[in-house]
C-alpha atoms as a PDB file:
ATOM      1  CA  MET A   1     -37.783 -12.756   8.426  1.00  0.00           C
ATOM      2  CA  GLU A   2     -34.381 -10.719   8.227  1.00  0.00           C
ATOM      3  CA  GLU A   3     -31.734 -12.621   6.451  1.00  0.00           C
ATOM      4  CA  VAL A   4     -28.280 -13.040   8.373  1.00  0.00           C
ATOM      5  CA  THR A   5     -25.355 -12.469   6.722  1.00  0.00           C
ATOM      6  CA  GLU A   6     -21.818 -13.661   7.817  1.00  0.00           C
ATOM      7  CA  PRO A   7     -18.957 -11.022   7.924  1.00  0.00           C
ATOM      8  CA  THR A   8     -16.274 -11.839   5.718  1.00  0.00           C
ATOM      9  CA  PRO A   9     -13.015 -12.211   7.089  1.00  0.00           C
ATOM     10  CA  HIS A  10     -10.090  -9.394   6.572  1.00  0.00           C
ATOM     11  CA  VAL A  11      -7.847 -10.138   4.141  1.00  0.00           C
ATOM     12  CA  ASP A  12      -4.585  -8.077   4.309  1.00  0.00           C
ATOM     13  CA  GLY A  13      -3.225  -6.855   1.247  1.00  0.00           C
ATOM     14  CA  PRO A  14       0.571  -6.284   0.088  1.00  0.00           C
ATOM     15  CA  PRO A  15       2.957  -4.807   2.645  1.00  0.00           C
ATOM     16  CA  TRP A  16       3.901  -0.897   2.932  1.00  0.00           C
ATOM     17  CA  THR A  17       7.217   0.035   2.203  1.00  0.00           C
ATOM     18  CA  ILE A  18       9.050   3.333   2.747  1.00  0.00           C
ATOM     19  CA  ALA A  19      10.056   5.118   0.096  1.00  0.00           C
ATOM     20  CA  ALA A  20      11.471   8.168   1.684  1.00  0.00           C
ATOM     21  CA  ARG A  21      11.821  10.047   4.981  1.00  0.00           C
ATOM     22  CA  PHE A  22      11.339  13.864   5.694  1.00  0.00           C
ATOM     23  CA  ALA A  23      11.604  16.040   8.779  1.00  0.00           C
ATOM     24  CA  GLU A  24       8.926  18.267   7.437  1.00  0.00           C
ATOM     25  CA  PHE A  25       5.333  17.061   6.460  1.00  0.00           C
ATOM     26  CA  GLU A  26       5.269  19.800   3.528  1.00  0.00           C
ATOM     27  CA  GLU A  27       8.480  17.948   1.730  1.00  0.00           C
ATOM     28  CA  ALA A  28       6.636  14.758   2.369  1.00  0.00           C
ATOM     29  CA  ASP A  29       3.554  15.640   0.767  1.00  0.00           C
ATOM     30  CA  ARG A  30       4.863  16.703  -2.068  1.00  0.00           C
ATOM     31  CA  LYS A  31       6.812  13.714  -2.740  1.00  0.00           C
ATOM     32  CA  ARG A  32       3.207  11.890  -1.899  1.00  0.00           C
ATOM     33  CA  LYS A  33       1.686  13.890  -4.830  1.00  0.00           C
ATOM     34  CA  GLU A  34       4.664  12.939  -7.373  1.00  0.00           C
ATOM     35  CA  LEU A  35       4.623   9.254  -6.772  1.00  0.00           C
ATOM     36  CA  ALA A  36       0.532   9.355  -6.638  1.00  0.00           C
ATOM     37  CA  GLN A  37       0.738  10.060 -10.552  1.00  0.00           C
ATOM     38  CA  GLU A  38       1.764   6.230 -10.851  1.00  0.00           C
ATOM     39  CA  GLU A  39      -0.696   3.767 -12.100  1.00  0.00           C
ATOM     40  CA  ASP A  40      -1.525   0.942  -9.328  1.00  0.00           C
ATOM     41  CA  LEU A  41       0.207   2.339  -7.016  1.00  0.00           C
ATOM     42  CA  GLN A  42      -1.089   3.718  -3.590  1.00  0.00           C
ATOM     43  CA  VAL A  43       0.933   6.018  -1.819  1.00  0.00           C
ATOM     44  CA  LYS A  44       0.195   7.553   1.989  1.00  0.00           C
ATOM     45  CA  VAL A  45       2.270   9.785   4.671  1.00  0.00           C
ATOM     46  CA  HIS A  46       2.671   8.214   8.173  1.00  0.00           C
ATOM     47  CA  TYR A  47       4.023  10.069  11.133  1.00  0.00           C
ATOM     48  CA  MET A  48       6.675   7.795  13.120  1.00  0.00           C
ATOM     49  CA  THR A  49       8.232   8.514  16.151  1.00  0.00           C
ATOM     50  CA  PRO A  50      11.280   5.928  16.744  1.00  0.00           C
ATOM     51  CA  LEU A  51      12.339   5.880  20.573  1.00  0.00           C
ATOM     52  CA  ARG A  52      15.742   7.033  20.158  1.00  0.00           C
ATOM     53  CA  LYS A  53      15.737   9.079  17.199  1.00  0.00           C
ATOM     54  CA  ASP A  54      14.015  12.242  15.954  1.00  0.00           C
ATOM     55  CA  PRO A  55      10.086  11.764  14.624  1.00  0.00           C
ATOM     56  CA  PHE A  56       9.618  11.962  11.149  1.00  0.00           C
ATOM     57  CA  PHE A  57       7.120  11.648   8.162  1.00  0.00           C
ATOM     58  CA  ALA A  58       7.365   8.596   6.425  1.00  0.00           C
ATOM     59  CA  VAL A  59       6.173   8.161   2.261  1.00  0.00           C
ATOM     60  CA  LYS A  60       4.900   4.730   2.110  1.00  0.00           C
ATOM     61  CA  THR A  61       4.104   2.915  -0.996  1.00  0.00           C
ATOM     62  CA  ARG A  62       2.525  -0.293  -2.178  1.00  0.00           C
ATOM     63  CA  ILE A  63       0.898  -1.831  -5.397  1.00  0.00           C
ATOM     64  CA  ASP A  64      -2.762  -1.565  -5.223  1.00  0.00           C
ATOM     65  CA  PRO A  65      -4.357  -4.621  -4.203  1.00  0.00           C
ATOM     66  CA  THR A  66      -6.887  -4.882  -6.665  1.00  0.00           C
ATOM     67  CA  SER A  67      -4.240  -4.727  -9.538  1.00  0.00           C
ATOM     68  CA  GLN A  68      -1.987  -7.231  -7.998  1.00  0.00           C
ATOM     69  CA  LEU A  69      -5.009  -9.934  -7.870  1.00  0.00           C
ATOM     70  CA  THR A  70      -5.200  -9.569 -11.567  1.00  0.00           C
ATOM     71  CA  THR A  71      -1.499 -10.060 -12.273  1.00  0.00           C
ATOM     72  CA  THR A  72      -1.194 -13.059  -9.968  1.00  0.00           C
ATOM     73  CA  LYS A  73      -4.497 -14.772 -11.677  1.00  0.00           C
ATOM     74  CA  ASN A  74      -2.678 -13.941 -14.856  1.00  0.00           C
ATOM     75  CA  LYS A  75       0.771 -15.715 -13.722  1.00  0.00           C
ATOM     76  CA  LYS A  76      -1.290 -18.706 -12.773  1.00  0.00           C
ATOM     77  CA  ASN A  77      -2.899 -19.077 -15.853  1.00  0.00           C
ATOM     78  CA  LYS A  78       0.541 -19.144 -17.895  1.00  0.00           C
ATOM     79  CA  LYS A  79       1.785 -22.094 -16.094  1.00  0.00           C
ATOM     80  CA  ARG A  80       2.240 -25.173 -18.318  1.00  0.00           C
ATOM     81  CA  LYS A  81       0.037 -27.957 -17.593  1.00  0.00           C
ATOM     82  CA  SER A  82       1.592 -31.621 -17.520  1.00  0.00           C
END
């Protein structure tokens, strides 16, 4: 018989923050490549179209969720027990 596995629930990672805005994709891609050199940092370029302004390319960054989990576990262990 087949084993039925229940799907794991989706867990959101840390929020993305806009690091820079550019009118041209090439400029945004250069910035993305520059920021991608940093360790434990995720970077992406997102095309955004505000309603009343000109569209732009946003370079978004966030801390890698896997590295953030290890740092939060370390912080919890450092708390003083009373």
